[in-house]
Amino acid sequence: MLMKRTWGLDVMRCPACSHRLRVVATVTERAVVTKILDHLQVRSTPLPRAPPRDPTWVQESFAYEHAVA
């Protein structure tokens, strides 16, 4: 419902035939989700993490002078 209000996208409507969809089940077990995704030939493993930033990178600091009124 939130995606429909925010983006105008009704995720509970079939994009092919425009009929209403319904939730059949909620799967929370990792092994079951992996098996389903593998069967659908969809990536079931997380993407590799990006390499960490250069540890020698130093953040700039700025000295501010307080204005005296």
N, C-alpha and C. Protein backbone atom coordinates (compact mmCIF):
# COMPACT_ATOMS: atom_id res chain seq x y z
N MET A 1 0.82 -1.18 0.00
CA MET A 1 0.00 0.00 0.00
C MET A 1 0.87 1.26 0.00
N LEU A 2 1.98 1.22 0.72
CA LEU A 2 2.85 2.39 0.81
C LEU A 2 3.46 2.73 -0.55
N MET A 3 3.83 1.71 -1.33
CA MET A 3 4.40 1.98 -2.65
C MET A 3 3.35 2.58 -3.58
N LYS A 4 2.11 2.20 -3.39
CA LYS A 4 1.05 2.76 -4.23
C LYS A 4 0.84 4.24 -3.90
N ARG A 5 0.83 4.57 -2.61
CA ARG A 5 0.64 5.97 -2.21
C ARG A 5 1.84 6.82 -2.58
N THR A 6 3.04 6.26 -2.41
CA THR A 6 4.26 7.04 -2.65
C THR A 6 4.60 7.16 -4.12
N TRP A 7 4.64 6.04 -4.82
CA TRP A 7 5.12 6.02 -6.20
C TRP A 7 4.03 5.79 -7.24
N GLY A 8 2.81 5.52 -6.80
CA GLY A 8 1.74 5.23 -7.74
C GLY A 8 1.88 3.84 -8.35
N LEU A 9 2.58 2.95 -7.66
CA LEU A 9 2.84 1.60 -8.16
C LEU A 9 2.05 0.61 -7.33
N ASP A 10 1.12 -0.07 -7.95
CA ASP A 10 0.31 -1.06 -7.25
C ASP A 10 0.99 -2.42 -7.39
N VAL A 11 1.70 -2.83 -6.35
CA VAL A 11 2.44 -4.10 -6.41
C VAL A 11 1.52 -5.31 -6.25
N MET A 12 0.27 -5.08 -5.91
CA MET A 12 -0.68 -6.18 -5.78
C MET A 12 -1.54 -6.33 -7.03
N ARG A 13 -1.09 -5.79 -8.16
CA ARG A 13 -1.80 -5.93 -9.43
C ARG A 13 -0.83 -6.56 -10.43
N CYS A 14 -1.27 -7.57 -11.14
CA CYS A 14 -0.45 -8.28 -12.12
C CYS A 14 -0.08 -7.33 -13.27
N PRO A 15 1.21 -7.21 -13.59
CA PRO A 15 1.60 -6.33 -14.69
C PRO A 15 1.19 -6.87 -16.06
N ALA A 16 0.94 -8.17 -16.16
CA ALA A 16 0.58 -8.77 -17.45
C ALA A 16 -0.92 -8.67 -17.75
N CYS A 17 -1.75 -9.00 -16.74
CA CYS A 17 -3.20 -9.06 -17.01
C CYS A 17 -4.02 -8.07 -16.18
N SER A 18 -3.40 -7.37 -15.27
CA SER A 18 -4.04 -6.36 -14.41
C SER A 18 -5.00 -6.93 -13.38
N HIS A 19 -5.01 -8.24 -13.18
CA HIS A 19 -5.84 -8.81 -12.13
C HIS A 19 -5.16 -8.61 -10.77
N ARG A 20 -5.96 -8.66 -9.71
CA ARG A 20 -5.43 -8.49 -8.36
C ARG A 20 -4.63 -9.72 -7.96
N LEU A 21 -3.51 -9.51 -7.29
CA LEU A 21 -2.70 -10.58 -6.75
C LEU A 21 -3.03 -10.76 -5.28
N ARG A 22 -2.69 -11.91 -4.73
CA ARG A 22 -2.89 -12.12 -3.30
C ARG A 22 -1.66 -12.81 -2.73
N VAL A 23 -1.39 -12.54 -1.49
CA VAL A 23 -0.25 -13.15 -0.81
C VAL A 23 -0.65 -14.57 -0.44
N VAL A 24 0.16 -15.53 -0.88
CA VAL A 24 -0.12 -16.93 -0.59
C VAL A 24 0.64 -17.38 0.65
N ALA A 25 1.88 -16.89 0.80
CA ALA A 25 2.69 -17.28 1.95
C ALA A 25 3.79 -16.26 2.17
N THR A 26 4.30 -16.25 3.39
CA THR A 26 5.46 -15.45 3.72
C THR A 26 6.56 -16.43 4.11
N VAL A 27 7.66 -16.41 3.38
CA VAL A 27 8.74 -17.35 3.61
C VAL A 27 9.86 -16.62 4.34
N THR A 28 10.24 -17.15 5.51
CA THR A 28 11.29 -16.51 6.31
C THR A 28 12.50 -17.40 6.55
N GLU A 29 12.40 -18.68 6.22
CA GLU A 29 13.52 -19.59 6.45
C GLU A 29 14.52 -19.47 5.30
N ARG A 30 15.78 -19.23 5.66
CA ARG A 30 16.83 -18.99 4.66
C ARG A 30 16.96 -20.15 3.67
N ALA A 31 16.91 -21.38 4.14
CA ALA A 31 17.08 -22.54 3.26
C ALA A 31 15.96 -22.62 2.22
N VAL A 32 14.75 -22.32 2.64
CA VAL A 32 13.60 -22.38 1.73
C VAL A 32 13.70 -21.26 0.70
N VAL A 33 14.06 -20.06 1.14
CA VAL A 33 14.21 -18.92 0.22
C VAL A 33 15.29 -19.22 -0.80
N THR A 34 16.42 -19.76 -0.35
CA THR A 34 17.52 -20.10 -1.26
C THR A 34 17.08 -21.13 -2.29
N LYS A 35 16.35 -22.13 -1.85
CA LYS A 35 15.88 -23.18 -2.77
C LYS A 35 14.93 -22.60 -3.82
N ILE A 36 14.04 -21.73 -3.41
CA ILE A 36 13.09 -21.11 -4.35
C ILE A 36 13.84 -20.24 -5.36
N LEU A 37 14.75 -19.39 -4.88
CA LEU A 37 15.49 -18.51 -5.78
C LEU A 37 16.37 -19.29 -6.74
N ASP A 38 17.01 -20.36 -6.25
CA ASP A 38 17.83 -21.20 -7.14
C ASP A 38 16.98 -21.85 -8.22
N HIS A 39 15.79 -22.30 -7.85
CA HIS A 39 14.88 -22.92 -8.83
C HIS A 39 14.46 -21.91 -9.90
N LEU A 40 14.26 -20.66 -9.48
CA LEU A 40 13.87 -19.60 -10.42
C LEU A 40 15.06 -19.02 -11.17
N GLN A 41 16.23 -19.54 -10.89
CA GLN A 41 17.49 -19.08 -11.49
C GLN A 41 17.71 -17.59 -11.22
N VAL A 42 17.47 -17.22 -9.96
CA VAL A 42 17.70 -15.86 -9.48
C VAL A 42 18.81 -15.95 -8.44
N ARG A 43 19.67 -14.95 -8.39
CA ARG A 43 20.79 -14.97 -7.45
C ARG A 43 20.27 -15.18 -6.03
N SER A 44 20.82 -16.19 -5.36
CA SER A 44 20.42 -16.47 -3.98
C SER A 44 21.51 -16.12 -2.98
N THR A 45 22.65 -15.70 -3.49
CA THR A 45 23.74 -15.29 -2.60
C THR A 45 23.87 -13.77 -2.65
N PRO A 46 24.31 -13.17 -1.56
CA PRO A 46 24.45 -11.71 -1.57
C PRO A 46 25.56 -11.26 -2.51
N LEU A 47 25.44 -10.05 -3.00
CA LEU A 47 26.48 -9.49 -3.86
C LEU A 47 27.75 -9.27 -3.03
N PRO A 48 28.91 -9.33 -3.66
CA PRO A 48 30.15 -9.11 -2.90
C PRO A 48 30.20 -7.67 -2.39
N ARG A 49 30.82 -7.52 -1.23
CA ARG A 49 30.93 -6.19 -0.63
C ARG A 49 31.97 -5.37 -1.36
N ALA A 50 31.78 -4.09 -1.39
CA ALA A 50 32.75 -3.18 -2.00
C ALA A 50 34.00 -3.16 -1.12
N PRO A 51 35.17 -2.96 -1.72
CA PRO A 51 36.39 -2.90 -0.91
C PRO A 51 36.35 -1.69 0.02
N PRO A 52 37.01 -1.79 1.17
CA PRO A 52 37.01 -0.67 2.10
C PRO A 52 37.76 0.52 1.53
N ARG A 53 37.48 1.68 2.08
CA ARG A 53 38.18 2.88 1.64
C ARG A 53 39.64 2.84 2.06
N ASP A 54 40.43 3.66 1.40
CA ASP A 54 41.85 3.77 1.70
C ASP A 54 42.02 4.24 3.15
N PRO A 55 42.72 3.48 3.99
CA PRO A 55 42.86 3.88 5.40
C PRO A 55 43.73 5.11 5.59
N THR A 56 44.48 5.50 4.56
CA THR A 56 45.34 6.67 4.71
C THR A 56 44.58 7.96 4.43
N TRP A 57 43.33 7.85 4.02
CA TRP A 57 42.52 9.02 3.72
C TRP A 57 42.25 9.77 5.02
N VAL A 58 42.50 11.06 5.01
CA VAL A 58 42.31 11.88 6.20
C VAL A 58 41.20 12.89 5.93
N GLN A 59 40.30 13.00 6.86
CA GLN A 59 39.23 13.97 6.70
C GLN A 59 39.75 15.36 7.06
N GLU A 60 39.39 16.30 6.22
CA GLU A 60 39.81 17.68 6.46
C GLU A 60 39.08 18.24 7.68
N SER A 61 39.78 19.08 8.42
CA SER A 61 39.12 19.77 9.53
C SER A 61 39.25 21.26 9.28
N PHE A 62 38.26 21.98 9.68
CA PHE A 62 38.24 23.41 9.46
C PHE A 62 38.21 24.12 10.81
N ALA A 63 39.02 25.15 10.93
CA ALA A 63 39.02 25.94 12.15
C ALA A 63 38.07 27.11 11.97
N TYR A 64 37.08 27.20 12.82
CA TYR A 64 36.11 28.28 12.75
C TYR A 64 36.41 29.29 13.85
N GLU A 65 36.34 30.53 13.50
CA GLU A 65 36.51 31.57 14.51
C GLU A 65 35.12 32.05 14.91
N HIS A 66 34.91 32.12 16.20
CA HIS A 66 33.61 32.57 16.70
C HIS A 66 33.55 34.09 16.61
N ALA A 67 32.49 34.59 16.07
CA ALA A 67 32.31 36.04 15.96
C ALA A 67 31.91 36.60 17.32
N VAL A 68 32.58 37.65 17.72
CA VAL A 68 32.26 38.29 19.00
C VAL A 68 31.42 39.52 18.71
N ALA A 69 30.25 39.60 19.34
CA ALA A 69 29.35 40.72 19.06
C ALA A 69 29.61 41.89 19.95
